[in-house]
Amino acid sequence: MKDGFKYAAIDLECATSDVGNICEMGLVIMEGGNEVFSFRSLIRPVVPAFGDWQRWNLSYSLKDALSAPSFPEVWSRVASQLDGIPLIAHNASQVECKHLGHAFSHHQMKDAATAPFYCTLELARKAWPDIEKHGIKSLARLFDWELDHHNPESDARVCSAVVERIASEKKIKSWDELVAQNHWQRHAIPEFPNRLIVRAKHAGPKKRADYMHELVIWKSAIKLEAMEKGQSYVISGFDNAQKQELRMLASKAGLMNRRSVNPRIDFLVADAKMGAAKYSRCIEYKIPIITKEEFLNQLEDL
């Protein structure tokens, strides 16, 4: 690659399954085919616990993590290095983007979520469709790349190896060419209108009060031009009784309810607040969000 082909590979480890509860970060910056910066640090988790998986698989203890600097302190050490360059991660939209979005919101780090994000898992699948598995471990084994799995610096380095190999195979000379030639989707770290609180998940059956802290105020960005029979929709933010009522009305009108947000969804119906993950996906996939009142009014016109 030519000089100026610069990007950062990042990988996170989390102390629990709670979104945003980051306990370690690894980073590798590549420029012109060479590694020019690397970084690894423990991070003090917001929820002071380790899950079973973490206790068995991480190379340090909860005590070590709780003695580490906070997420804002660690991020401040690398923020200047990341200014103006794209970020990559393996399964970025489902892991790094989501966890960073929640962490930035929880710690009220405004304007931190600016870098464009790209997923090396998506890139590997596009570039090497005949390979059976595209996970970090499988690719490292296939191409004989050194990997200390779940050491986030090592995982990030393998992400960069994916980009470097594909660019070399296809004789790609610029980042824009890499993105265009592989139809590589650009992702973004979600930004939320109100502060999200990172906290432990409720252990038992959830009531609405148990996940209210996970709901966010939303802003409509895309207009729903028309509601038509056969369209797919998602409901978010309402209690179970309201959801059931809306589903019954929609079913009678010939609409199809779906549980998760994906690019094939036509619109989402939200209460005053909605699920953070659903909101970020609506923004990413440009899916219209409408209120209950708008939903009912359009149902009458079907």
C-alpha atoms as a PDB file:
ATOM      1  CA  MET A   1       0.000   0.000   0.000  1.00  0.00           C
ATOM      2  CA  LYS A   2       1.094   3.577  -0.505  1.00  0.00           C
ATOM      3  CA  ASP A   3       1.941   5.968   2.315  1.00  0.00           C
ATOM      4  CA  GLY A   4      -1.142   7.571   3.834  1.00  0.00           C
ATOM      5  CA  PHE A   5      -3.214   4.373   3.929  1.00  0.00           C
ATOM      6  CA  LYS A   6      -3.819   4.832   7.641  1.00  0.00           C
ATOM      7  CA  TYR A   7      -6.351   3.269   9.992  1.00  0.00           C
ATOM      8  CA  ALA A   8      -6.706   1.921  13.538  1.00  0.00           C
ATOM      9  CA  ALA A   9      -7.720  -1.586  14.584  1.00  0.00           C
ATOM     10  CA  ILE A  10      -9.407  -1.840  17.976  1.00  0.00           C
ATOM     11  CA  ASP A  11     -10.629  -4.675  20.187  1.00  0.00           C
ATOM     12  CA  LEU A  12     -12.464  -4.598  23.514  1.00  0.00           C
ATOM     13  CA  GLU A  13     -12.978  -7.038  26.355  1.00  0.00           C
ATOM     14  CA  CYS A  14     -15.896  -6.648  28.753  1.00  0.00           C
ATOM     15  CA  ALA A  15     -16.113  -7.703  32.402  1.00  0.00           C
ATOM     16  CA  THR A  16     -19.712  -8.924  32.121  1.00  0.00           C
ATOM     17  CA  SER A  17     -22.380  -9.235  29.433  1.00  0.00           C
ATOM     18  CA  ASP A  18     -23.657  -5.759  30.351  1.00  0.00           C
ATOM     19  CA  VAL A  19     -23.342  -3.443  27.351  1.00  0.00           C
ATOM     20  CA  GLY A  20     -20.597  -0.857  27.836  1.00  0.00           C
ATOM     21  CA  ASN A  21     -18.958  -2.604  30.803  1.00  0.00           C
ATOM     22  CA  ILE A  22     -15.499  -2.508  29.203  1.00  0.00           C
ATOM     23  CA  CYS A  23     -12.531  -3.887  31.140  1.00  0.00           C
ATOM     24  CA  GLU A  24      -9.728  -3.865  28.546  1.00  0.00           C
ATOM     25  CA  MET A  25      -8.846  -2.225  25.252  1.00  0.00           C
ATOM     26  CA  GLY A  26      -6.233  -3.006  22.608  1.00  0.00           C
ATOM     27  CA  LEU A  27      -5.308  -0.808  19.676  1.00  0.00           C
ATOM     28  CA  VAL A  28      -3.008  -1.024  16.652  1.00  0.00           C
ATOM     29  CA  ILE A  29      -2.499   1.807  14.144  1.00  0.00           C
ATOM     30  CA  MET A  30      -1.282   0.989  10.640  1.00  0.00           C
ATOM     31  CA  GLU A  31       0.120   3.421   8.076  1.00  0.00           C
ATOM     32  CA  GLY A  32       1.469   2.526   4.661  1.00  0.00           C
ATOM     33  CA  GLY A  33       1.489  -1.171   5.556  1.00  0.00           C
ATOM     34  CA  ASN A  34       3.496  -0.661   8.758  1.00  0.00           C
ATOM     35  CA  GLU A  35       2.455  -0.749  12.398  1.00  0.00           C
ATOM     36  CA  VAL A  36       3.184   2.733  13.770  1.00  0.00           C
ATOM     37  CA  PHE A  37       1.464   2.580  17.166  1.00  0.00           C
ATOM     38  CA  SER A  38       0.156  -0.051  19.568  1.00  0.00           C
ATOM     39  CA  PHE A  39      -1.620   0.202  22.896  1.00  0.00           C
ATOM     40  CA  ARG A  40      -3.133  -2.061  25.520  1.00  0.00           C
ATOM     41  CA  SER A  41      -4.684  -1.171  28.867  1.00  0.00           C
ATOM     42  CA  LEU A  42      -6.980  -2.580  31.502  1.00  0.00           C
ATOM     43  CA  ILE A  43     -10.040  -0.442  32.233  1.00  0.00           C
ATOM     44  CA  ARG A  44     -11.955  -0.251  35.491  1.00  0.00           C
ATOM     45  CA  PRO A  45     -15.390  -1.752  34.739  1.00  0.00           C
ATOM     46  CA  VAL A  46     -18.488   0.197  35.728  1.00  0.00           C
ATOM     47  CA  VAL A  47     -20.214  -2.968  36.955  1.00  0.00           C
ATOM     48  CA  PRO A  48     -17.584  -4.318  39.410  1.00  0.00           C
ATOM     49  CA  ALA A  49     -17.891  -8.005  38.578  1.00  0.00           C
ATOM     50  CA  PHE A  50     -16.549 -10.712  36.282  1.00  0.00           C
ATOM     51  CA  GLY A  51     -18.820 -13.163  34.498  1.00  0.00           C
ATOM     52  CA  ASP A  52     -18.035 -16.878  34.453  1.00  0.00           C
ATOM     53  CA  TRP A  53     -16.515 -16.658  30.963  1.00  0.00           C
ATOM     54  CA  GLN A  54     -14.238 -13.802  32.026  1.00  0.00           C
ATOM     55  CA  ARG A  55     -13.032 -15.663  35.110  1.00  0.00           C
ATOM     56  CA  TRP A  56     -12.003 -18.624  32.963  1.00  0.00           C
ATOM     57  CA  ASN A  57     -10.637 -16.862  29.881  1.00  0.00           C
ATOM     58  CA  LEU A  58      -9.019 -13.552  30.841  1.00  0.00           C
ATOM     59  CA  SER A  59      -5.385 -13.459  31.959  1.00  0.00           C
ATOM     60  CA  TYR A  60      -6.013 -11.121  34.907  1.00  0.00           C
ATOM     61  CA  SER A  61      -8.300 -10.978  37.915  1.00  0.00           C
ATOM     62  CA  LEU A  62     -11.237  -8.763  38.788  1.00  0.00           C
ATOM     63  CA  LYS A  63      -9.002  -7.161  41.414  1.00  0.00           C
ATOM     64  CA  ASP A  64      -6.562  -6.178  38.663  1.00  0.00           C
ATOM     65  CA  ALA A  65      -9.357  -4.651  36.576  1.00  0.00           C
ATOM     66  CA  LEU A  66     -10.809  -2.709  39.514  1.00  0.00           C
ATOM     67  CA  SER A  67      -7.372  -1.162  40.112  1.00  0.00           C
ATOM     68  CA  ALA A  68      -7.184   0.075  36.507  1.00  0.00           C
ATOM     69  CA  PRO A  69      -7.927   3.610  35.272  1.00  0.00           C
ATOM     70  CA  SER A  70     -11.443   4.552  34.182  1.00  0.00           C
ATOM     71  CA  PHE A  71     -12.634   4.378  30.592  1.00  0.00           C
ATOM     72  CA  PRO A  72     -12.387   8.181  30.050  1.00  0.00           C
ATOM     73  CA  GLU A  73      -8.810   8.163  31.354  1.00  0.00           C
ATOM     74  CA  VAL A  74      -7.783   5.354  29.018  1.00  0.00           C
ATOM     75  CA  TRP A  75      -9.584   6.807  26.004  1.00  0.00           C
ATOM     76  CA  SER A  76      -7.894  10.182  26.535  1.00  0.00           C
ATOM     77  CA  ARG A  77      -4.508   8.485  26.062  1.00  0.00           C
ATOM     78  CA  VAL A  78      -5.314   7.395  22.512  1.00  0.00           C
ATOM     79  CA  ALA A  79      -7.934   9.887  21.298  1.00  0.00           C
ATOM     80  CA  SER A  80      -5.410  12.158  19.570  1.00  0.00           C
ATOM     81  CA  GLN A  81      -3.933   9.157  17.734  1.00  0.00           C
ATOM     82  CA  LEU A  82      -7.369   8.278  16.326  1.00  0.00           C
ATOM     83  CA  ASP A  83      -8.265  11.733  15.079  1.00  0.00           C
ATOM     84  CA  GLY A  84      -9.317  11.676  11.441  1.00  0.00           C
ATOM     85  CA  ILE A  85      -8.682   7.995  10.683  1.00  0.00           C
ATOM     86  CA  PRO A  86     -11.127   5.087  10.233  1.00  0.00           C
ATOM     87  CA  LEU A  87     -11.485   2.380  12.878  1.00  0.00           C
ATOM     88  CA  ILE A  88     -11.812  -1.339  12.214  1.00  0.00           C
ATOM     89  CA  ALA A  89     -12.863  -4.249  14.417  1.00  0.00           C
ATOM     90  CA  HIS A  90     -14.045  -7.820  13.941  1.00  0.00           C
ATOM     91  CA  ASN A  91     -17.870  -7.834  14.216  1.00  0.00           C
ATOM     92  CA  ALA A  92     -17.700  -4.081  14.796  1.00  0.00           C
ATOM     93  CA  SER A  93     -21.395  -3.212  14.522  1.00  0.00           C
ATOM     94  CA  GLN A  94     -22.458  -5.826  17.080  1.00  0.00           C
ATOM     95  CA  VAL A  95     -19.588  -5.428  19.554  1.00  0.00           C
ATOM     96  CA  GLU A  96     -17.216  -2.454  19.480  1.00  0.00           C
ATOM     97  CA  CYS A  97     -19.695   0.128  18.137  1.00  0.00           C
ATOM     98  CA  LYS A  98     -22.329  -0.909  20.645  1.00  0.00           C
ATOM     99  CA  HIS A  99     -20.035  -1.030  23.693  1.00  0.00           C
ATOM    100  CA  LEU A 100     -18.285   2.237  22.828  1.00  0.00           C
ATOM    101  CA  GLY A 101     -21.616   3.990  22.255  1.00  0.00           C
ATOM    102  CA  HIS A 102     -22.869   2.969  25.688  1.00  0.00           C
ATOM    103  CA  ALA A 103     -19.546   3.826  27.355  1.00  0.00           C
ATOM    104  CA  PHE A 104     -19.380   7.281  25.754  1.00  0.00           C
ATOM    105  CA  SER A 105     -22.972   7.948  26.815  1.00  0.00           C
ATOM    106  CA  HIS A 106     -22.527   6.657  30.378  1.00  0.00           C
ATOM    107  CA  HIS A 107     -19.388   8.729  30.921  1.00  0.00           C
ATOM    108  CA  GLN A 108     -20.924  11.732  29.103  1.00  0.00           C
ATOM    109  CA  MET A 109     -18.050  11.935  26.634  1.00  0.00           C
ATOM    110  CA  LYS A 110     -19.676  14.239  24.102  1.00  0.00           C
ATOM    111  CA  ASP A 111     -18.285  14.347  20.561  1.00  0.00           C
ATOM    112  CA  ALA A 112     -16.155  11.227  21.171  1.00  0.00           C
ATOM    113  CA  ALA A 113     -18.108   9.025  18.739  1.00  0.00           C
ATOM    114  CA  THR A 114     -16.945  10.606  15.490  1.00  0.00           C
ATOM    115  CA  ALA A 115     -14.753   8.035  13.720  1.00  0.00           C
ATOM    116  CA  PRO A 116     -16.163   5.925  10.855  1.00  0.00           C
ATOM    117  CA  PHE A 117     -16.165   2.224  11.759  1.00  0.00           C
ATOM    118  CA  TYR A 118     -15.680  -0.789   9.481  1.00  0.00           C
ATOM    119  CA  CYS A 119     -16.064  -4.493  10.230  1.00  0.00           C
ATOM    120  CA  THR A 120     -13.268  -6.890   9.207  1.00  0.00           C
ATOM    121  CA  LEU A 121     -15.620  -9.845   9.634  1.00  0.00           C
ATOM    122  CA  GLU A 122     -17.802  -8.390   6.865  1.00  0.00           C
ATOM    123  CA  LEU A 123     -14.736  -7.628   4.743  1.00  0.00           C
ATOM    124  CA  ALA A 124     -13.337 -11.151   5.130  1.00  0.00           C
ATOM    125  CA  ARG A 125     -16.664 -12.704   4.126  1.00  0.00           C
ATOM    126  CA  LYS A 126     -16.830 -10.533   1.004  1.00  0.00           C
ATOM    127  CA  ALA A 127     -13.211 -11.028  -0.032  1.00  0.00           C
ATOM    128  CA  TRP A 128     -12.926 -14.747   0.780  1.00  0.00           C
ATOM    129  CA  PRO A 129     -16.401 -16.267   0.265  1.00  0.00           C
ATOM    130  CA  ASP A 130     -14.981 -19.777  -0.149  1.00  0.00           C
ATOM    131  CA  ILE A 131     -13.430 -19.834   3.314  1.00  0.00           C
ATOM    132  CA  GLU A 132     -15.638 -21.837   5.679  1.00  0.00           C
ATOM    133  CA  LYS A 133     -15.115 -19.751   8.838  1.00  0.00           C
ATOM    134  CA  HIS A 134     -14.197 -16.074   9.125  1.00  0.00           C
ATOM    135  CA  GLY A 135     -13.693 -15.673  12.875  1.00  0.00           C
ATOM    136  CA  ILE A 136     -10.461 -14.247  14.300  1.00  0.00           C
ATOM    137  CA  LYS A 137      -9.123 -17.647  15.386  1.00  0.00           C
ATOM    138  CA  SER A 138      -9.992 -19.358  12.099  1.00  0.00           C
ATOM    139  CA  LEU A 139      -8.351 -16.672   9.961  1.00  0.00           C
ATOM    140  CA  ALA A 140      -5.243 -16.570  12.137  1.00  0.00           C
ATOM    141  CA  ARG A 141      -4.906 -20.342  11.864  1.00  0.00           C
ATOM    142  CA  LEU A 142      -5.509 -20.347   8.099  1.00  0.00           C
ATOM    143  CA  PHE A 143      -2.988 -17.610   7.304  1.00  0.00           C
ATOM    144  CA  ASP A 144      -0.522 -18.521  10.057  1.00  0.00           C
ATOM    145  CA  TRP A 145      -0.877 -15.205  11.854  1.00  0.00           C
ATOM    146  CA  GLU A 146       0.327 -15.007  15.437  1.00  0.00           C
ATOM    147  CA  LEU A 147      -2.620 -14.701  17.826  1.00  0.00           C
ATOM    148  CA  ASP A 148      -2.978 -14.529  21.589  1.00  0.00           C
ATOM    149  CA  HIS A 149      -6.776 -14.696  21.536  1.00  0.00           C
ATOM    150  CA  HIS A 150      -8.618 -12.346  23.939  1.00  0.00           C
ATOM    151  CA  ASN A 151      -5.494 -10.260  24.319  1.00  0.00           C
ATOM    152  CA  PRO A 152      -7.188  -7.268  22.658  1.00  0.00           C
ATOM    153  CA  GLU A 153      -3.959  -5.870  21.210  1.00  0.00           C
ATOM    154  CA  SER A 154      -3.274  -9.220  19.534  1.00  0.00           C
ATOM    155  CA  ASP A 155      -6.870  -9.500  18.287  1.00  0.00           C
ATOM    156  CA  ALA A 156      -6.640  -5.964  16.869  1.00  0.00           C
ATOM    157  CA  ARG A 157      -3.392  -6.869  15.113  1.00  0.00           C
ATOM    158  CA  VAL A 158      -5.109  -9.789  13.363  1.00  0.00           C
ATOM    159  CA  CYS A 159      -7.864  -7.395  12.238  1.00  0.00           C
ATOM    160  CA  SER A 160      -5.191  -5.239  10.630  1.00  0.00           C
ATOM    161  CA  ALA A 161      -3.702  -8.350   8.999  1.00  0.00           C
ATOM    162  CA  VAL A 162      -7.075  -9.008   7.327  1.00  0.00           C
ATOM    163  CA  VAL A 163      -7.058  -5.525   5.788  1.00  0.00           C
ATOM    164  CA  GLU A 164      -3.402  -5.697   4.759  1.00  0.00           C
ATOM    165  CA  ARG A 165      -3.743  -9.093   3.081  1.00  0.00           C
ATOM    166  CA  ILE A 166      -6.896  -8.196   1.155  1.00  0.00           C
ATOM    167  CA  ALA A 167      -5.408  -4.876   0.023  1.00  0.00           C
ATOM    168  CA  SER A 168      -2.269  -6.693  -1.113  1.00  0.00           C
ATOM    169  CA  GLU A 169      -4.174  -9.450  -2.946  1.00  0.00           C
ATOM    170  CA  LYS A 170      -6.290  -6.919  -4.825  1.00  0.00           C
ATOM    171  CA  LYS A 171      -3.459  -4.381  -5.296  1.00  0.00           C
ATOM    172  CA  ILE A 172      -5.501  -1.706  -3.546  1.00  0.00           C
ATOM    173  CA  LYS A 173      -3.713   1.602  -2.965  1.00  0.00           C
ATOM    174  CA  SER A 174      -6.158   3.711  -0.937  1.00  0.00           C
ATOM    175  CA  TRP A 175      -8.756   3.353   1.795  1.00  0.00           C
ATOM    176  CA  ASP A 176     -11.533   4.660  -0.447  1.00  0.00           C
ATOM    177  CA  GLU A 177     -10.609   2.069  -3.067  1.00  0.00           C
ATOM    178  CA  LEU A 178     -10.715  -0.703  -0.448  1.00  0.00           C
ATOM    179  CA  VAL A 179     -14.184   0.399   0.676  1.00  0.00           C
ATOM    180  CA  ALA A 180     -15.570   0.851  -2.839  1.00  0.00           C
ATOM    181  CA  GLN A 181     -14.149  -2.319  -4.363  1.00  0.00           C
ATOM    182  CA  ASN A 182     -15.494  -4.511  -1.550  1.00  0.00           C
ATOM    183  CA  HIS A 183     -18.786  -2.630  -1.054  1.00  0.00           C
ATOM    184  CA  TRP A 184     -17.662  -2.336   2.557  1.00  0.00           C
ATOM    185  CA  GLN A 185     -20.393  -0.923   4.772  1.00  0.00           C
ATOM    186  CA  ARG A 186     -19.529   2.025   6.964  1.00  0.00           C
ATOM    187  CA  HIS A 187     -20.799   1.769  10.540  1.00  0.00           C
ATOM    188  CA  ALA A 188     -20.960   4.394  13.268  1.00  0.00           C
ATOM    189  CA  ILE A 189     -20.695   4.470  17.031  1.00  0.00           C
ATOM    190  CA  PRO A 190     -24.268   5.247  18.146  1.00  0.00           C
ATOM    191  CA  GLU A 191     -24.948   8.565  19.850  1.00  0.00           C
ATOM    192  CA  PHE A 192     -27.911   8.815  22.220  1.00  0.00           C
ATOM    193  CA  PRO A 193     -29.965  11.938  23.052  1.00  0.00           C
ATOM    194  CA  ASN A 194     -29.988  11.108  26.768  1.00  0.00           C
ATOM    195  CA  ARG A 195     -27.419   9.534  29.060  1.00  0.00           C
ATOM    196  CA  LEU A 196     -27.382   5.730  29.271  1.00  0.00           C
ATOM    197  CA  ILE A 197     -26.460   4.133  32.586  1.00  0.00           C
ATOM    198  CA  VAL A 198     -24.275   1.023  32.409  1.00  0.00           C
ATOM    199  CA  ARG A 199     -25.484  -1.339  35.119  1.00  0.00           C
ATOM    200  CA  ALA A 200     -25.862  -5.038  35.840  1.00  0.00           C
ATOM    201  CA  LYS A 201     -28.636  -6.861  34.016  1.00  0.00           C
ATOM    202  CA  HIS A 202     -31.648  -7.910  36.037  1.00  0.00           C
ATOM    203  CA  ALA A 203     -31.217 -11.563  37.035  1.00  0.00           C
ATOM    204  CA  GLY A 204     -34.847 -12.694  37.164  1.00  0.00           C
ATOM    205  CA  PRO A 205     -37.838 -12.235  34.848  1.00  0.00           C
ATOM    206  CA  LYS A 206     -37.840  -8.606  33.734  1.00  0.00           C
ATOM    207  CA  LYS A 207     -40.519  -6.083  34.512  1.00  0.00           C
ATOM    208  CA  ARG A 208     -40.575  -2.797  32.621  1.00  0.00           C
ATOM    209  CA  ALA A 209     -39.014  -0.965  35.579  1.00  0.00           C
ATOM    210  CA  ASP A 210     -35.988  -3.275  35.390  1.00  0.00           C
ATOM    211  CA  TYR A 211     -34.969  -2.089  31.931  1.00  0.00           C
ATOM    212  CA  MET A 212     -36.147   1.546  31.982  1.00  0.00           C
ATOM    213  CA  HIS A 213     -32.515   2.671  32.307  1.00  0.00           C
ATOM    214  CA  GLU A 214     -31.806   1.019  28.943  1.00  0.00           C
ATOM    215  CA  LEU A 215     -34.385   3.157  27.112  1.00  0.00           C
ATOM    216  CA  VAL A 216     -33.436   6.338  25.274  1.00  0.00           C
ATOM    217  CA  ILE A 217     -35.210   9.426  24.023  1.00  0.00           C
ATOM    218  CA  TRP A 218     -35.352   9.229  20.239  1.00  0.00           C
ATOM    219  CA  LYS A 219     -35.469  11.666  17.354  1.00  0.00           C
ATOM    220  CA  SER A 220     -37.155  10.901  14.057  1.00  0.00           C
ATOM    221  CA  ALA A 221     -34.708  11.262  11.161  1.00  0.00           C
ATOM    222  CA  ILE A 222     -36.472   9.408   8.319  1.00  0.00           C
ATOM    223  CA  LYS A 223     -40.099   9.994   7.314  1.00  0.00           C
ATOM    224  CA  LEU A 224     -42.429   7.048   6.692  1.00  0.00           C
ATOM    225  CA  GLU A 225     -43.909   7.928   3.316  1.00  0.00           C
ATOM    226  CA  ALA A 226     -46.808   5.470   3.455  1.00  0.00           C
ATOM    227  CA  MET A 227     -47.933   2.459   5.437  1.00  0.00           C
ATOM    228  CA  GLU A 228     -48.932  -0.507   3.282  1.00  0.00           C
ATOM    229  CA  LYS A 229     -50.232  -4.025   3.877  1.00  0.00           C
ATOM    230  CA  GLY A 230     -47.456  -6.600   4.065  1.00  0.00           C
ATOM    231  CA  GLN A 231     -44.903  -4.241   5.594  1.00  0.00           C
ATOM    232  CA  SER A 232     -42.729  -5.380   8.510  1.00  0.00           C
ATOM    233  CA  TYR A 233     -42.444  -3.366  11.709  1.00  0.00           C
ATOM    234  CA  VAL A 234     -40.917  -3.482  15.199  1.00  0.00           C
ATOM    235  CA  ILE A 235     -42.334  -2.130  18.467  1.00  0.00           C
ATOM    236  CA  SER A 236     -40.090  -0.678  21.184  1.00  0.00           C
ATOM    237  CA  GLY A 237     -40.443   0.999  24.572  1.00  0.00           C
ATOM    238  CA  PHE A 238     -44.036   0.054  25.432  1.00  0.00           C
ATOM    239  CA  ASP A 239     -45.155  -2.213  28.255  1.00  0.00           C
ATOM    240  CA  ASN A 240     -46.341  -5.701  27.339  1.00  0.00           C
ATOM    241  CA  ALA A 241     -50.044  -4.832  27.415  1.00  0.00           C
ATOM    242  CA  GLN A 242     -49.578  -1.938  24.985  1.00  0.00           C
ATOM    243  CA  LYS A 243     -47.379  -4.055  22.716  1.00  0.00           C
ATOM    244  CA  GLN A 244     -50.034  -6.765  22.555  1.00  0.00           C
ATOM    245  CA  GLU A 245     -52.739  -4.226  21.733  1.00  0.00           C
ATOM    246  CA  LEU A 246     -50.679  -2.675  18.924  1.00  0.00           C
ATOM    247  CA  ARG A 247     -49.740  -6.077  17.503  1.00  0.00           C
ATOM    248  CA  MET A 248     -53.390  -7.151  17.319  1.00  0.00           C
ATOM    249  CA  LEU A 249     -54.400  -3.971  15.498  1.00  0.00           C
ATOM    250  CA  ALA A 250     -51.469  -4.270  13.101  1.00  0.00           C
ATOM    251  CA  SER A 251     -52.176  -7.936  12.393  1.00  0.00           C
ATOM    252  CA  LYS A 252     -55.772  -7.150  11.436  1.00  0.00           C
ATOM    253  CA  ALA A 253     -54.418  -4.519   9.024  1.00  0.00           C
ATOM    254  CA  GLY A 254     -52.077  -7.008   7.335  1.00  0.00           C
ATOM    255  CA  LEU A 255     -48.786  -5.842   8.871  1.00  0.00           C
ATOM    256  CA  MET A 256     -46.075  -8.251  10.043  1.00  0.00           C
ATOM    257  CA  ASN A 257     -44.499  -7.865  13.480  1.00  0.00           C
ATOM    258  CA  ARG A 258     -40.787  -8.562  13.902  1.00  0.00           C
ATOM    259  CA  ARG A 259     -38.713  -8.734  17.088  1.00  0.00           C
ATOM    260  CA  SER A 260     -35.387  -7.342  15.859  1.00  0.00           C
ATOM    261  CA  VAL A 261     -34.327  -4.416  13.690  1.00  0.00           C
ATOM    262  CA  ASN A 262     -32.645  -5.266  10.389  1.00  0.00           C
ATOM    263  CA  PRO A 263     -32.418  -3.588   6.960  1.00  0.00           C
ATOM    264  CA  ARG A 264     -35.624  -5.324   5.788  1.00  0.00           C
ATOM    265  CA  ILE A 265     -37.804  -3.634   8.431  1.00  0.00           C
ATOM    266  CA  ASP A 266     -40.090  -0.920   7.017  1.00  0.00           C
ATOM    267  CA  PHE A 267     -40.638   1.112  10.198  1.00  0.00           C
ATOM    268  CA  LEU A 268     -40.525   1.053  14.003  1.00  0.00           C
ATOM    269  CA  VAL A 269     -43.228   2.172  16.439  1.00  0.00           C
ATOM    270  CA  ALA A 270     -41.777   3.736  19.605  1.00  0.00           C
ATOM    271  CA  ASP A 271     -43.006   5.083  22.912  1.00  0.00           C
ATOM    272  CA  ALA A 272     -41.504   8.326  24.254  1.00  0.00           C
ATOM    273  CA  LYS A 273     -38.390   6.248  24.965  1.00  0.00           C
ATOM    274  CA  MET A 274     -37.177   3.163  23.120  1.00  0.00           C
ATOM    275  CA  GLY A 275     -34.470   0.502  23.320  1.00  0.00           C
ATOM    276  CA  ALA A 276     -30.963   1.869  22.780  1.00  0.00           C
ATOM    277  CA  ALA A 277     -29.837  -0.943  20.473  1.00  0.00           C
ATOM    278  CA  LYS A 278     -32.976  -0.692  18.327  1.00  0.00           C
ATOM    279  CA  TYR A 279     -32.564   3.082  18.087  1.00  0.00           C
ATOM    280  CA  SER A 280     -28.952   2.860  16.920  1.00  0.00           C
ATOM    281  CA  ARG A 281     -29.881   0.264  14.286  1.00  0.00           C
ATOM    282  CA  CYS A 282     -32.757   2.399  13.005  1.00  0.00           C
ATOM    283  CA  ILE A 283     -30.298   5.257  12.544  1.00  0.00           C
ATOM    284  CA  GLU A 284     -27.739   2.997  10.858  1.00  0.00           C
ATOM    285  CA  TYR A 285     -30.261   1.346   8.505  1.00  0.00           C
ATOM    286  CA  LYS A 286     -32.273   4.563   7.926  1.00  0.00           C
ATOM    287  CA  ILE A 287     -35.515   3.037   9.219  1.00  0.00           C
ATOM    288  CA  PRO A 288     -38.394   5.444   9.979  1.00  0.00           C
ATOM    289  CA  ILE A 289     -39.490   5.708  13.629  1.00  0.00           C
ATOM    290  CA  ILE A 290     -43.078   6.761  14.352  1.00  0.00           C
ATOM    291  CA  THR A 291     -45.123   7.408  17.472  1.00  0.00           C
ATOM    292  CA  LYS A 292     -48.096   5.358  18.645  1.00  0.00           C
ATOM    293  CA  GLU A 293     -50.431   8.153  17.521  1.00  0.00           C
ATOM    294  CA  GLU A 294     -48.914   8.234  14.030  1.00  0.00           C
ATOM    295  CA  PHE A 295     -49.157   4.451  13.867  1.00  0.00           C
ATOM    296  CA  LEU A 296     -52.844   4.410  14.796  1.00  0.00           C
ATOM    297  CA  ASN A 297     -53.662   7.235  12.381  1.00  0.00           C
ATOM    298  CA  GLN A 298     -51.998   5.447   9.469  1.00  0.00           C
ATOM    299  CA  LEU A 299     -53.705   2.161  10.378  1.00  0.00           C
ATOM    300  CA  GLU A 300     -57.062   3.870   9.900  1.00  0.00           C
ATOM    301  CA  ASP A 301     -56.070   4.794   6.346  1.00  0.00           C
ATOM    302  CA  LEU A 302     -55.117   1.221   5.335  1.00  0.00           C
END
